C-alpha cells in the first residue's frame, strides 16, 4: 500500500551493447572470403575460432590497456592457424548445434590462458601490516 518513491522511479537505462553485431560484421566477410575460395572447411573453422577469440576479448575487455593481454591474444591466434588448416569437416554431419561444444571449449581454453597469464604477471597489492 505504501510504495517508496524509489520504486516509482524508472530504472537507469544501460547503453545498448552492440558487441554481437560487431562480431558478426567482422566474421561475415572473413567467412564469405574463405567460402568463395572453395574452402568451406577452413571458412567454418575460421568462423568458430575467430568468433571465440573475439568473444574472449569482449569478456576480458577490462584488460585492453595491458600489452601482455594483446600478446596472449596474438599467440592464441597463431596457435589456431595449424588447427584451422588441419581440421576437415567433410566426413562429419556438421550442424551449428554440434559445433557449440567445440566453440565453447575453445572459448574456455582461451579464457583459461588469459587467466593463467594474469595470475602469473599481476602481483597482488602489498599487505598493510604493522
Protein backbone atom coordinates (compact mmCIF):
# COMPACT_ATOMS: atom_id res chain seq x y z
CA UNK A 1 0.00 0.00 0.00
CA UNK A 2 2.82 2.39 0.86
CA UNK A 3 5.27 2.47 -2.01
CA UNK A 4 8.50 4.30 -1.68
CA UNK A 5 9.50 6.92 -4.19
CA UNK A 6 12.45 4.79 -5.28
CA UNK A 7 10.17 2.07 -6.63
CA UNK A 8 8.27 4.50 -8.84
CA UNK A 9 11.39 5.91 -10.47
CA UNK A 10 12.39 4.28 -13.74
CA UNK A 11 15.50 2.16 -13.69
CA UNK A 12 18.63 3.73 -15.10
CA UNK A 13 18.96 2.84 -18.77
CA UNK A 14 22.10 0.99 -19.77
CA UNK A 15 23.56 1.74 -23.18
CA UNK A 16 22.84 -0.84 -25.84
CA UNK A 17 25.57 -3.46 -26.21
CA UNK A 18 26.37 -3.84 -29.90
CA UNK A 19 29.09 -6.47 -29.41
CA UNK A 20 27.19 -9.24 -31.19
CA UNK A 21 26.58 -7.07 -34.23
CA UNK A 22 30.23 -6.00 -34.33
CA UNK A 23 31.48 -9.59 -34.08
CA UNK A 24 29.06 -10.66 -36.84
CA UNK A 25 30.20 -7.74 -39.01
CA UNK A 26 33.82 -8.83 -38.59
CA UNK A 27 33.17 -12.54 -39.13
CA UNK A 28 30.81 -12.36 -42.11
CA UNK A 29 33.36 -11.07 -44.65
CA UNK A 30 36.01 -13.48 -43.37
CA UNK A 31 33.65 -16.45 -43.73
CA UNK A 32 32.49 -15.23 -47.13
CA UNK A 33 36.11 -14.82 -48.33
CA UNK A 34 37.11 -18.39 -47.49
CA UNK A 35 33.80 -19.86 -48.68
CA UNK A 36 34.16 -18.13 -52.05
CA UNK A 37 37.63 -19.65 -52.43
CA UNK A 38 36.01 -23.08 -52.18
CA UNK A 39 37.35 -23.81 -48.68
CA UNK A 40 34.16 -24.38 -46.72
CA UNK A 41 36.06 -26.38 -44.08
CA UNK A 42 38.52 -23.57 -43.48
CA UNK A 43 35.74 -20.97 -43.56
CA UNK A 44 33.85 -22.80 -40.83
CA UNK A 45 36.97 -23.31 -38.71
CA UNK A 46 37.99 -19.65 -39.04
CA UNK A 47 34.46 -18.58 -38.17
CA UNK A 48 34.44 -20.64 -34.97
CA UNK A 49 37.99 -19.85 -33.82
CA UNK A 50 37.90 -16.14 -34.61
CA UNK A 51 34.44 -15.79 -33.12
CA UNK A 52 35.52 -17.37 -29.84
CA UNK A 53 38.67 -15.22 -29.70
CA UNK A 54 36.58 -12.09 -30.25
CA UNK A 55 34.15 -13.20 -27.55
CA UNK A 56 37.05 -13.78 -25.15
CA UNK A 57 38.31 -10.28 -25.92
CA UNK A 58 34.83 -8.91 -25.15
CA UNK A 59 34.63 -10.83 -21.87
CA UNK A 60 38.06 -9.62 -20.71
CA UNK A 61 37.83 -6.13 -22.25
CA UNK A 62 38.91 -4.67 -18.90
CA UNK A 63 42.47 -5.84 -19.73
CA UNK A 64 42.62 -4.00 -23.07
CA UNK A 65 45.21 -1.50 -21.85
CA UNK A 66 47.69 -4.22 -20.92
CA UNK A 67 50.28 -5.17 -23.51
CA UNK A 68 50.53 -8.75 -22.25
CA UNK A 69 46.80 -9.25 -22.96
CA UNK A 70 47.26 -8.49 -26.66
CA UNK A 71 50.39 -10.63 -26.77
CA UNK A 72 48.38 -13.56 -25.36
CA UNK A 73 45.62 -12.95 -27.92
CA UNK A 74 48.18 -12.88 -30.75
CA UNK A 75 49.77 -16.12 -29.51
CA UNK A 76 46.36 -17.80 -29.25
CA UNK A 77 45.53 -16.71 -32.80
CA UNK A 78 48.87 -18.07 -34.02
CA UNK A 79 48.22 -21.38 -32.26
CA UNK A 80 44.86 -21.62 -34.03
CA UNK A 81 46.40 -21.46 -37.52
CA UNK A 82 47.52 -25.13 -37.62
CA UNK A 83 44.19 -26.16 -36.09
CA UNK A 84 42.30 -24.26 -38.78
CA UNK A 85 44.40 -25.64 -41.62
CA UNK A 86 44.18 -29.27 -40.44
CA UNK A 87 40.50 -29.50 -39.47
CA UNK A 88 38.27 -31.09 -42.11
CA UNK A 89 34.52 -31.25 -41.54
CA UNK A 90 33.58 -33.14 -44.70
CA UNK A 91 33.40 -36.58 -43.06
CA UNK A 92 31.00 -35.44 -40.34
CA UNK A 93 27.41 -34.33 -40.18
CA UNK A 94 28.10 -30.78 -39.02
CA UNK A 95 25.39 -28.53 -37.67
CA UNK A 96 25.65 -25.41 -35.61
CA UNK A 97 24.47 -27.35 -32.58
CA UNK A 98 27.25 -29.92 -32.91
CA UNK A 99 29.84 -27.14 -33.18
CA UNK A 100 28.66 -25.47 -29.97
CA UNK A 101 30.75 -27.68 -27.62
CA UNK A 102 33.83 -27.16 -29.79
CA UNK A 103 33.38 -23.39 -29.75
CA UNK A 104 32.73 -23.33 -26.01
CA UNK A 105 35.82 -25.45 -25.35
CA UNK A 106 37.87 -23.05 -27.47
CA UNK A 107 36.47 -20.07 -25.55
CA UNK A 108 37.19 -21.70 -22.19
CA UNK A 109 40.76 -22.57 -23.19
CA UNK A 110 41.38 -19.00 -24.34
CA UNK A 111 39.91 -17.52 -21.16
CA UNK A 112 41.90 -20.02 -19.10
CA UNK A 113 45.16 -18.99 -20.75
CA UNK A 114 44.34 -15.30 -20.16
CA UNK A 115 43.53 -16.04 -16.51
CA UNK A 116 46.74 -18.05 -16.07
CA UNK A 117 48.92 -15.31 -17.54
CA UNK A 118 47.07 -12.71 -15.50
CA UNK A 119 47.68 -14.57 -12.24
CA UNK A 120 51.36 -15.03 -13.10
CA UNK A 121 52.02 -11.44 -14.17
CA UNK A 122 49.81 -9.35 -11.95
CA UNK A 123 51.21 -9.10 -8.46
CA UNK A 124 48.90 -8.68 -5.54
CA UNK A 125 48.86 -5.49 -3.52
CA UNK A 126 51.25 -5.49 -0.55
CA UNK A 127 49.72 -6.16 2.85
CA UNK A 128 49.37 -3.19 5.18
CA UNK A 129 50.60 -4.88 8.33
CA UNK A 130 52.42 -3.24 11.13
